[in-house]
Amino acid sequence: MEIRVQSVHFNATEKLHAFIEKKVGKVAKSCDEAANAEVVLKVVKPETAMNKEVQIRISVPGGSLHAEKVCDTFEEGIDLCVEALQKQAEKYKEKNKH
């Protein structure tokens, strides 16, 4: 699965890219049909807390799985998004079994 990372208003570090690859890769393994993933990282208001916005969209046949969170750190946002996406992936698999 191809994972595309877009960082808005800042440059993401290699460490952050590796973290994203690892976490989003787990969702891809649980959902075999996943074609590609798009991760958008934004710094909303640099001077405030809770200013890191994370959006993850995973393309699957017949639609997409999407999660969006705003947190203190990108890692925390990615973790929460991945958790939500794994639940969506399970529902998607159950729905397509029948």
PDB file of N, CA and C in Angstrom:
ATOM      1  N   MET A   1       0.830  -1.178   0.000  1.00  0.00           N
ATOM      2  CA  MET A   1       0.000   0.000   0.000  1.00  0.00           C
ATOM      3  C   MET A   1       0.879   1.248   0.000  1.00  0.00           C
ATOM      4  N   GLU A   2       0.497   2.193  -0.800  1.00  0.00           N
ATOM      5  CA  GLU A   2       1.228   3.467  -0.886  1.00  0.00           C
ATOM      6  C   GLU A   2       0.688   4.427   0.174  1.00  0.00           C
ATOM      7  N   ILE A   3       1.603   5.036   0.938  1.00  0.00           N
ATOM      8  CA  ILE A   3       1.219   6.013   1.959  1.00  0.00           C
ATOM      9  C   ILE A   3       1.811   7.356   1.563  1.00  0.00           C
ATOM     10  N   ARG A   4       0.919   8.338   1.338  1.00  0.00           N
ATOM     11  CA  ARG A   4       1.367   9.666   0.941  1.00  0.00           C
ATOM     12  C   ARG A   4       1.153  10.624   2.113  1.00  0.00           C
ATOM     13  N   VAL A   5       2.226  11.313   2.502  1.00  0.00           N
ATOM     14  CA  VAL A   5       2.155  12.233   3.644  1.00  0.00           C
ATOM     15  C   VAL A   5       2.289  13.664   3.142  1.00  0.00           C
ATOM     16  N   GLN A   6       1.368  14.504   3.570  1.00  0.00           N
ATOM     17  CA  GLN A   6       1.395  15.918   3.198  1.00  0.00           C
ATOM     18  C   GLN A   6       1.426  16.719   4.498  1.00  0.00           C
ATOM     19  N   SER A   7       2.441  17.575   4.647  1.00  0.00           N
ATOM     20  CA  SER A   7       2.518  18.409   5.849  1.00  0.00           C
ATOM     21  C   SER A   7       2.297  19.866   5.448  1.00  0.00           C
ATOM     22  N   VAL A   8       1.342  20.514   6.119  1.00  0.00           N
ATOM     23  CA  VAL A   8       0.950  21.880   5.801  1.00  0.00           C
ATOM     24  C   VAL A   8       1.513  22.827   6.867  1.00  0.00           C
ATOM     25  N   HIS A   9       2.210  23.874   6.446  1.00  0.00           N
ATOM     26  CA  HIS A   9       2.788  24.900   7.319  1.00  0.00           C
ATOM     27  C   HIS A   9       3.988  24.438   8.136  1.00  0.00           C
ATOM     28  N   PHE A  10       4.582  23.296   7.801  1.00  0.00           N
ATOM     29  CA  PHE A  10       5.802  22.842   8.471  1.00  0.00           C
ATOM     30  C   PHE A  10       6.388  21.678   7.671  1.00  0.00           C
ATOM     31  N   ASN A  11       7.620  21.282   8.002  1.00  0.00           N
ATOM     32  CA  ASN A  11       8.254  20.131   7.359  1.00  0.00           C
ATOM     33  C   ASN A  11       8.293  18.970   8.340  1.00  0.00           C
ATOM     34  N   ALA A  12       7.694  17.858   7.969  1.00  0.00           N
ATOM     35  CA  ALA A  12       7.674  16.673   8.836  1.00  0.00           C
ATOM     36  C   ALA A  12       9.057  16.028   8.861  1.00  0.00           C
ATOM     37  N   THR A  13       9.461  15.559  10.032  1.00  0.00           N
ATOM     38  CA  THR A  13      10.770  14.923  10.190  1.00  0.00           C
ATOM     39  C   THR A  13      10.720  13.482   9.677  1.00  0.00           C
ATOM     40  N   GLU A  14      11.892  12.917   9.457  1.00  0.00           N
ATOM     41  CA  GLU A  14      11.982  11.505   9.043  1.00  0.00           C
ATOM     42  C   GLU A  14      11.405  10.596  10.127  1.00  0.00           C
ATOM     43  N   LYS A  15      11.632  10.983  11.387  1.00  0.00           N
ATOM     44  CA  LYS A  15      11.117  10.198  12.509  1.00  0.00           C
ATOM     45  C   LYS A  15       9.592  10.150  12.470  1.00  0.00           C
ATOM     46  N   LEU A  16       8.966  11.290  12.166  1.00  0.00           N
ATOM     47  CA  LEU A  16       7.505  11.348  12.073  1.00  0.00           C
ATOM     48  C   LEU A  16       7.011  10.530  10.880  1.00  0.00           C
ATOM     49  N   HIS A  17       7.717  10.609   9.758  1.00  0.00           N
ATOM     50  CA  HIS A  17       7.355   9.795   8.581  1.00  0.00           C
ATOM     51  C   HIS A  17       7.410   8.300   8.920  1.00  0.00           C
ATOM     52  N   ALA A  18       8.459   7.882   9.620  1.00  0.00           N
ATOM     53  CA  ALA A  18       8.614   6.472   9.993  1.00  0.00           C
ATOM     54  C   ALA A  18       7.472   6.042  10.918  1.00  0.00           C
ATOM     55  N   PHE A  19       7.102   6.913  11.851  1.00  0.00           N
ATOM     56  CA  PHE A  19       6.003   6.635  12.777  1.00  0.00           C
ATOM     57  C   PHE A  19       4.692   6.444  12.008  1.00  0.00           C
ATOM     58  N   ILE A  20       4.451   7.317  11.045  1.00  0.00           N
ATOM     59  CA  ILE A  20       3.232   7.235  10.230  1.00  0.00           C
ATOM     60  C   ILE A  20       3.208   5.933   9.434  1.00  0.00           C
ATOM     61  N   GLU A  21       4.349   5.610   8.792  1.00  0.00           N
ATOM     62  CA  GLU A  21       4.433   4.372   7.994  1.00  0.00           C
ATOM     63  C   GLU A  21       4.092   3.153   8.860  1.00  0.00           C
ATOM     64  N   LYS A  22       4.645   3.129  10.063  1.00  0.00           N
ATOM     65  CA  LYS A  22       4.443   1.994  10.969  1.00  0.00           C
ATOM     66  C   LYS A  22       2.981   1.879  11.387  1.00  0.00           C
ATOM     67  N   LYS A  23       2.397   2.990  11.845  1.00  0.00           N
ATOM     68  CA  LYS A  23       1.022   2.963  12.360  1.00  0.00           C
ATOM     69  C   LYS A  23      -0.018   2.734  11.267  1.00  0.00           C
ATOM     70  N   VAL A  24       0.099   3.455  10.164  1.00  0.00           N
ATOM     71  CA  VAL A  24      -0.877   3.315   9.081  1.00  0.00           C
ATOM     72  C   VAL A  24      -0.711   1.951   8.405  1.00  0.00           C
ATOM     73  N   GLY A  25       0.504   1.435   8.404  1.00  0.00           N
ATOM     74  CA  GLY A  25       0.761   0.103   7.863  1.00  0.00           C
ATOM     75  C   GLY A  25      -0.016  -0.972   8.594  1.00  0.00           C
ATOM     76  N   LYS A  26      -0.227  -0.788   9.898  1.00  0.00           N
ATOM     77  CA  LYS A  26      -0.993  -1.757  10.692  1.00  0.00           C
ATOM     78  C   LYS A  26      -2.438  -1.825  10.214  1.00  0.00           C
ATOM     79  N   VAL A  27      -3.008  -0.672   9.896  1.00  0.00           N
ATOM     80  CA  VAL A  27      -4.390  -0.645   9.396  1.00  0.00           C
ATOM     81  C   VAL A  27      -4.447  -1.336   8.045  1.00  0.00           C
ATOM     82  N   ALA A  28      -3.438  -1.101   7.226  1.00  0.00           N
ATOM     83  CA  ALA A  28      -3.391  -1.710   5.887  1.00  0.00           C
ATOM     84  C   ALA A  28      -3.366  -3.228   5.991  1.00  0.00           C
ATOM     85  N   LYS A  29      -2.632  -3.747   6.973  1.00  0.00           N
ATOM     86  CA  LYS A  29      -2.567  -5.202   7.148  1.00  0.00           C
ATOM     87  C   LYS A  29      -3.917  -5.773   7.554  1.00  0.00           C
ATOM     88  N   SER A  30      -4.659  -5.028   8.378  1.00  0.00           N
ATOM     89  CA  SER A  30      -5.956  -5.531   8.833  1.00  0.00           C
ATOM     90  C   SER A  30      -7.028  -5.400   7.747  1.00  0.00           C
ATOM     91  N   CYS A  31      -6.796  -4.537   6.784  1.00  0.00           N
ATOM     92  CA  CYS A  31      -7.756  -4.342   5.696  1.00  0.00           C
ATOM     93  C   CYS A  31      -7.032  -4.614   4.377  1.00  0.00           C
ATOM     94  N   ASP A  32      -7.124  -5.839   3.896  1.00  0.00           N
ATOM     95  CA  ASP A  32      -6.368  -6.274   2.716  1.00  0.00           C
ATOM     96  C   ASP A  32      -6.691  -5.476   1.456  1.00  0.00           C
ATOM     97  N   GLU A  33      -7.930  -4.973   1.361  1.00  0.00           N
ATOM     98  CA  GLU A  33      -8.356  -4.287   0.147  1.00  0.00           C
ATOM     99  C   GLU A  33      -7.830  -2.852   0.037  1.00  0.00           C
ATOM    100  N   ALA A  34      -7.179  -2.354   1.086  1.00  0.00           N
ATOM    101  CA  ALA A  34      -6.716  -0.957   1.098  1.00  0.00           C
ATOM    102  C   ALA A  34      -5.739  -0.714  -0.046  1.00  0.00           C
ATOM    103  N   ALA A  35      -6.037   0.305  -0.853  1.00  0.00           N
ATOM    104  CA  ALA A  35      -5.210   0.608  -2.021  1.00  0.00           C
ATOM    105  C   ALA A  35      -4.104   1.603  -1.678  1.00  0.00           C
ATOM    106  N   ASN A  36      -4.488   2.736  -1.105  1.00  0.00           N
ATOM    107  CA  ASN A  36      -3.496   3.733  -0.713  1.00  0.00           C
ATOM    108  C   ASN A  36      -4.023   4.554   0.452  1.00  0.00           C
ATOM    109  N   ALA A  37      -3.108   5.260   1.096  1.00  0.00           N
ATOM    110  CA  ALA A  37      -3.476   6.084   2.243  1.00  0.00           C
ATOM    111  C   ALA A  37      -2.936   7.487   2.040  1.00  0.00           C
ATOM    112  N   GLU A  38      -3.724   8.455   2.458  1.00  0.00           N
ATOM    113  CA  GLU A  38      -3.309   9.847   2.367  1.00  0.00           C
ATOM    114  C   GLU A  38      -3.354  10.420   3.779  1.00  0.00           C
ATOM    115  N   VAL A  39      -2.218  10.936   4.237  1.00  0.00           N
ATOM    116  CA  VAL A  39      -2.112  11.506   5.578  1.00  0.00           C
ATOM    117  C   VAL A  39      -1.832  12.999   5.425  1.00  0.00           C
ATOM    118  N   VAL A  40      -2.680  13.833   6.038  1.00  0.00           N
ATOM    119  CA  VAL A  40      -2.484  15.277   5.994  1.00  0.00           C
ATOM    120  C   VAL A  40      -2.230  15.763   7.418  1.00  0.00           C
ATOM    121  N   LEU A  41      -1.104  16.432   7.604  1.00  0.00           N
ATOM    122  CA  LEU A  41      -0.737  16.977   8.908  1.00  0.00           C
ATOM    123  C   LEU A  41      -0.747  18.494   8.809  1.00  0.00           C
ATOM    124  N   LYS A  42      -1.431  19.153   9.747  1.00  0.00           N
ATOM    125  CA  LYS A  42      -1.511  20.616   9.724  1.00  0.00           C
ATOM    126  C   LYS A  42      -1.221  21.176  11.096  1.00  0.00           C
ATOM    127  N   VAL A  43      -0.528  22.312  11.122  1.00  0.00           N
ATOM    128  CA  VAL A  43      -0.410  23.087  12.351  1.00  0.00           C
ATOM    129  C   VAL A  43      -1.450  24.189  12.232  1.00  0.00           C
ATOM    130  N   VAL A  44      -2.468  24.134  13.087  1.00  0.00           N
ATOM    131  CA  VAL A  44      -3.597  25.049  12.960  1.00  0.00           C
ATOM    132  C   VAL A  44      -3.242  26.452  13.456  1.00  0.00           C
ATOM    133  N   LYS A  45      -2.980  26.592  14.738  1.00  0.00           N
ATOM    134  CA  LYS A  45      -2.576  27.889  15.310  1.00  0.00           C
ATOM    135  C   LYS A  45      -1.297  27.648  16.093  1.00  0.00           C
ATOM    136  N   PRO A  46      -0.150  28.018  15.559  1.00  0.00           N
ATOM    137  CA  PRO A  46       1.138  27.679  16.176  1.00  0.00           C
ATOM    138  C   PRO A  46       1.295  28.095  17.638  1.00  0.00           C
ATOM    139  N   GLU A  47       0.597  29.125  18.078  1.00  0.00           N
ATOM    140  CA  GLU A  47       0.823  29.639  19.432  1.00  0.00           C
ATOM    141  C   GLU A  47      -0.076  28.990  20.488  1.00  0.00           C
ATOM    142  N   THR A  48      -0.968  28.068  20.108  1.00  0.00           N
ATOM    143  CA  THR A  48      -1.891  27.474  21.076  1.00  0.00           C
ATOM    144  C   THR A  48      -1.645  25.986  21.269  1.00  0.00           C
ATOM    145  N   ALA A  49      -2.198  25.448  22.367  1.00  0.00           N
ATOM    146  CA  ALA A  49      -2.172  24.000  22.582  1.00  0.00           C
ATOM    147  C   ALA A  49      -3.257  23.383  21.694  1.00  0.00           C
ATOM    148  N   MET A  50      -3.233  22.076  21.570  1.00  0.00           N
ATOM    149  CA  MET A  50      -4.214  21.363  20.738  1.00  0.00           C
ATOM    150  C   MET A  50      -4.248  21.958  19.327  1.00  0.00           C
ATOM    151  N   ASN A  51      -3.091  22.102  18.715  1.00  0.00           N
ATOM    152  CA  ASN A  51      -3.018  22.768  17.413  1.00  0.00           C
ATOM    153  C   ASN A  51      -2.533  21.861  16.284  1.00  0.00           C
ATOM    154  N   LYS A  52      -2.426  20.572  16.534  1.00  0.00           N
ATOM    155  CA  LYS A  52      -1.958  19.637  15.509  1.00  0.00           C
ATOM    156  C   LYS A  52      -3.158  18.868  14.951  1.00  0.00           C
ATOM    157  N   GLU A  53      -3.450  19.081  13.679  1.00  0.00           N
ATOM    158  CA  GLU A  53      -4.579  18.405  13.036  1.00  0.00           C
ATOM    159  C   GLU A  53      -4.060  17.273  12.161  1.00  0.00           C
ATOM    160  N   VAL A  54      -4.635  16.095  12.335  1.00  0.00           N
ATOM    161  CA  VAL A  54      -4.245  14.914  11.565  1.00  0.00           C
ATOM    162  C   VAL A  54      -5.470  14.387  10.838  1.00  0.00           C
ATOM    163  N   GLN A  55      -5.335  14.172   9.533  1.00  0.00           N
ATOM    164  CA  GLN A  55      -6.402  13.555   8.731  1.00  0.00           C
ATOM    165  C   GLN A  55      -5.798  12.356   8.014  1.00  0.00           C
ATOM    166  N   ILE A  56      -6.464  11.228   8.101  1.00  0.00           N
ATOM    167  CA  ILE A  56      -6.009  10.035   7.378  1.00  0.00           C
ATOM    168  C   ILE A  56      -7.180   9.502   6.578  1.00  0.00           C
ATOM    169  N   ARG A  57      -6.958   9.286   5.292  1.00  0.00           N
ATOM    170  CA  ARG A  57      -7.975   8.719   4.405  1.00  0.00           C
ATOM    171  C   ARG A  57      -7.361   7.504   3.719  1.00  0.00           C
ATOM    172  N   ILE A  58      -8.035   6.366   3.846  1.00  0.00           N
ATOM    173  CA  ILE A  58      -7.566   5.132   3.213  1.00  0.00           C
ATOM    174  C   ILE A  58      -8.588   4.729   2.153  1.00  0.00           C
ATOM    175  N   SER A  59      -8.122   4.577   0.928  1.00  0.00           N
ATOM    176  CA  SER A  59      -9.008   4.188  -0.176  1.00  0.00           C
ATOM    177  C   SER A  59      -9.224   2.684  -0.173  1.00  0.00           C
ATOM    178  N   VAL A  60     -10.485   2.295  -0.225  1.00  0.00           N
ATOM    179  CA  VAL A  60     -10.858   0.887  -0.334  1.00  0.00           C
ATOM    180  C   VAL A  60     -11.878   0.774  -1.462  1.00  0.00           C
ATOM    181  N   PRO A  61     -12.032  -0.415  -2.042  1.00  0.00           N
ATOM    182  CA  PRO A  61     -13.025  -0.555  -3.111  1.00  0.00           C
ATOM    183  C   PRO A  61     -14.411  -0.146  -2.635  1.00  0.00           C
ATOM    184  N   GLY A  62     -15.039   0.739  -3.371  1.00  0.00           N
ATOM    185  CA  GLY A  62     -16.388   1.178  -3.037  1.00  0.00           C
ATOM    186  C   GLY A  62     -16.447   2.325  -2.045  1.00  0.00           C
ATOM    187  N   GLY A  63     -15.323   2.939  -1.731  1.00  0.00           N
ATOM    188  CA  GLY A  63     -15.370   4.067  -0.798  1.00  0.00           C
ATOM    189  C   GLY A  63     -14.028   4.344  -0.150  1.00  0.00           C
ATOM    190  N   SER A  64     -14.096   4.928   1.052  1.00  0.00           N
ATOM    191  CA  SER A  64     -12.858   5.220   1.773  1.00  0.00           C
ATOM    192  C   SER A  64     -13.118   5.232   3.271  1.00  0.00           C
ATOM    193  N   LEU A  65     -12.070   4.993   4.021  1.00  0.00           N
ATOM    194  CA  LEU A  65     -12.113   5.082   5.473  1.00  0.00           C
ATOM    195  C   LEU A  65     -11.453   6.410   5.823  1.00  0.00           C
ATOM    196  N   HIS A  66     -12.042   7.169   6.749  1.00  0.00           N
ATOM    197  CA  HIS A  66     -11.520   8.506   7.043  1.00  0.00           C
ATOM    198  C   HIS A  66     -11.571   8.775   8.540  1.00  0.00           C
ATOM    199  N   ALA A  67     -10.499   9.384   9.048  1.00  0.00           N
ATOM    200  CA  ALA A  67     -10.464   9.819  10.449  1.00  0.00           C
ATOM    201  C   ALA A  67      -9.748  11.157  10.517  1.00  0.00           C
ATOM    202  N   GLU A  68     -10.202  11.992  11.446  1.00  0.00           N
ATOM    203  CA  GLU A  68      -9.643  13.332  11.591  1.00  0.00           C
ATOM    204  C   GLU A  68      -9.622  13.681  13.073  1.00  0.00           C
ATOM    205  N   LYS A  69      -8.464  14.101  13.591  1.00  0.00           N
ATOM    206  CA  LYS A  69      -8.328  14.436  15.011  1.00  0.00           C
ATOM    207  C   LYS A  69      -7.469  15.685  15.174  1.00  0.00           C
ATOM    208  N   VAL A  70      -7.702  16.416  16.266  1.00  0.00           N
ATOM    209  CA  VAL A  70      -6.885  17.573  16.627  1.00  0.00           C
ATOM    210  C   VAL A  70      -6.338  17.303  18.023  1.00  0.00           C
ATOM    211  N   CYS A  71      -5.006  17.331  18.165  1.00  0.00           N
ATOM    212  CA  CYS A  71      -4.360  16.982  19.428  1.00  0.00           C
ATOM    213  C   CYS A  71      -3.167  17.888  19.708  1.00  0.00           C
ATOM    214  N   ASP A  72      -2.502  17.622  20.843  1.00  0.00           N
ATOM    215  CA  ASP A  72      -1.288  18.359  21.215  1.00  0.00           C
ATOM    216  C   ASP A  72      -0.094  17.969  20.353  1.00  0.00           C
ATOM    217  N   THR A  73       0.004  16.672  20.004  1.00  0.00           N
ATOM    218  CA  THR A  73       1.135  16.194  19.194  1.00  0.00           C
ATOM    219  C   THR A  73       0.619  15.415  17.996  1.00  0.00           C
ATOM    220  N   PHE A  74       1.432  15.365  16.951  1.00  0.00           N
ATOM    221  CA  PHE A  74       1.040  14.597  15.767  1.00  0.00           C
ATOM    222  C   PHE A  74       0.971  13.106  16.094  1.00  0.00           C
ATOM    223  N   GLU A  75       1.886  12.625  16.935  1.00  0.00           N
ATOM    224  CA  GLU A  75       1.892  11.197  17.290  1.00  0.00           C
ATOM    225  C   GLU A  75       0.583  10.800  17.967  1.00  0.00           C
ATOM    226  N   GLU A  76       0.121  11.631  18.887  1.00  0.00           N
ATOM    227  CA  GLU A  76      -1.139  11.350  19.580  1.00  0.00           C
ATOM    228  C   GLU A  76      -2.302  11.343  18.580  1.00  0.00           C
ATOM    229  N   GLY A  77      -2.324  12.313  17.676  1.00  0.00           N
ATOM    230  CA  GLY A  77      -3.368  12.384  16.658  1.00  0.00           C
ATOM    231  C   GLY A  77      -3.360  11.175  15.739  1.00  0.00           C
ATOM    232  N   ILE A  78      -2.165  10.751  15.355  1.00  0.00           N
ATOM    233  CA  ILE A  78      -2.041   9.575  14.477  1.00  0.00           C
ATOM    234  C   ILE A  78      -2.545   8.335  15.189  1.00  0.00           C
ATOM    235  N   ASP A  79      -2.160   8.170  16.463  1.00  0.00           N
ATOM    236  CA  ASP A  79      -2.637   7.018  17.238  1.00  0.00           C
ATOM    237  C   ASP A  79      -4.163   6.974  17.293  1.00  0.00           C
ATOM    238  N   LEU A  80      -4.784   8.120  17.584  1.00  0.00           N
ATOM    239  CA  LEU A  80      -6.244   8.176  17.682  1.00  0.00           C
ATOM    240  C   LEU A  80      -6.912   7.906  16.335  1.00  0.00           C
ATOM    241  N   CYS A  81      -6.345   8.445  15.272  1.00  0.00           N
ATOM    242  CA  CYS A  81      -6.889   8.208  13.923  1.00  0.00           C
ATOM    243  C   CYS A  81      -6.776   6.731  13.548  1.00  0.00           C
ATOM    244  N   VAL A  82      -5.636   6.139  13.832  1.00  0.00           N
ATOM    245  CA  VAL A  82      -5.416   4.728  13.489  1.00  0.00           C
ATOM    246  C   VAL A  82      -6.407   3.846  14.257  1.00  0.00           C
ATOM    247  N   GLU A  83      -6.647   4.186  15.526  1.00  0.00           N
ATOM    248  CA  GLU A  83      -7.621   3.446  16.329  1.00  0.00           C
ATOM    249  C   GLU A  83      -9.006   3.496  15.676  1.00  0.00           C
ATOM    250  N   ALA A  84      -9.422   4.688  15.274  1.00  0.00           N
ATOM    251  CA  ALA A  84     -10.723   4.865  14.625  1.00  0.00           C
ATOM    252  C   ALA A  84     -10.780   4.124  13.283  1.00  0.00           C
ATOM    253  N   LEU A  85      -9.679   4.178  12.532  1.00  0.00           N
ATOM    254  CA  LEU A  85      -9.643   3.521  11.222  1.00  0.00           C
ATOM    255  C   LEU A  85      -9.695   2.005  11.359  1.00  0.00           C
ATOM    256  N   GLN A  86      -9.084   1.472  12.408  1.00  0.00           N
ATOM    257  CA  GLN A  86      -9.133   0.020  12.587  1.00  0.00           C
ATOM    258  C   GLN A  86     -10.564  -0.443  12.857  1.00  0.00           C
ATOM    259  N   LYS A  87     -11.317   0.340  13.612  1.00  0.00           N
ATOM    260  CA  LYS A  87     -12.732   0.013  13.849  1.00  0.00           C
ATOM    261  C   LYS A  87     -13.509   0.070  12.540  1.00  0.00           C
ATOM    262  N   GLN A  88     -13.230   1.107  11.737  1.00  0.00           N
ATOM    263  CA  GLN A  88     -13.911   1.234  10.439  1.00  0.00           C
ATOM    264  C   GLN A  88     -13.541   0.075   9.512  1.00  0.00           C
ATOM    265  N   ALA A  89     -12.276  -0.336   9.552  1.00  0.00           N
ATOM    266  CA  ALA A  89     -11.815  -1.439   8.699  1.00  0.00           C
ATOM    267  C   ALA A  89     -12.519  -2.738   9.084  1.00  0.00           C
ATOM    268  N   GLU A  90     -12.716  -2.966  10.397  1.00  0.00           N
ATOM    269  CA  GLU A  90     -13.424  -4.167  10.846  1.00  0.00           C
ATOM    270  C   GLU A  90     -14.870  -4.153  10.351  1.00  0.00           C
ATOM    271  N   LYS A  91     -15.535  -3.007  10.470  1.00  0.00           N
ATOM    272  CA  LYS A  91     -16.913  -2.891   9.981  1.00  0.00           C
ATOM    273  C   LYS A  91     -16.979  -3.103   8.475  1.00  0.00           C
ATOM    274  N   TYR A  92     -16.000  -2.552   7.763  1.00  0.00           N
ATOM    275  CA  TYR A  92     -15.946  -2.697   6.305  1.00  0.00           C
ATOM    276  C   TYR A  92     -15.811  -4.169   5.918  1.00  0.00           C
ATOM    277  N   LYS A  93     -14.918  -4.881   6.625  1.00  0.00           N
ATOM    278  CA  LYS A  93     -14.718  -6.306   6.328  1.00  0.00           C
ATOM    279  C   LYS A  93     -15.977  -7.118   6.625  1.00  0.00           C
ATOM    280  N   GLU A  94     -16.630  -6.819   7.758  1.00  0.00           N
ATOM    281  CA  GLU A  94     -17.866  -7.524   8.121  1.00  0.00           C
ATOM    282  C   GLU A  94     -18.947  -7.281   7.064  1.00  0.00           C
ATOM    283  N   LYS A  95     -19.070  -6.038   6.632  1.00  0.00           N
ATOM    284  CA  LYS A  95     -20.087  -5.681   5.653  1.00  0.00           C
ATOM    285  C   LYS A  95     -19.843  -6.391   4.329  1.00  0.00           C
ATOM    286  N   ASN A  96     -18.586  -6.548   3.942  1.00  0.00           N
ATOM    287  CA  ASN A  96     -18.264  -7.157   2.647  1.00  0.00           C
ATOM    288  C   ASN A  96     -18.224  -8.680   2.690  1.00  0.00           C
ATOM    289  N   LYS A  97     -18.301  -9.261   3.869  1.00  0.00           N
ATOM    290  CA  LYS A  97     -18.345 -10.718   3.963  1.00  0.00           C
ATOM    291  C   LYS A  97     -19.685 -11.237   3.465  1.00  0.00           C
ATOM    292  N   HIS A  98     -20.734 -10.492   3.746  1.00  0.00           N
ATOM    293  CA  HIS A  98     -22.101 -10.959   3.433  1.00  0.00           C
ATOM    294  C   HIS A  98     -22.468 -10.686   2.012  1.00  0.00           C
TER     295      HIS A  98
END
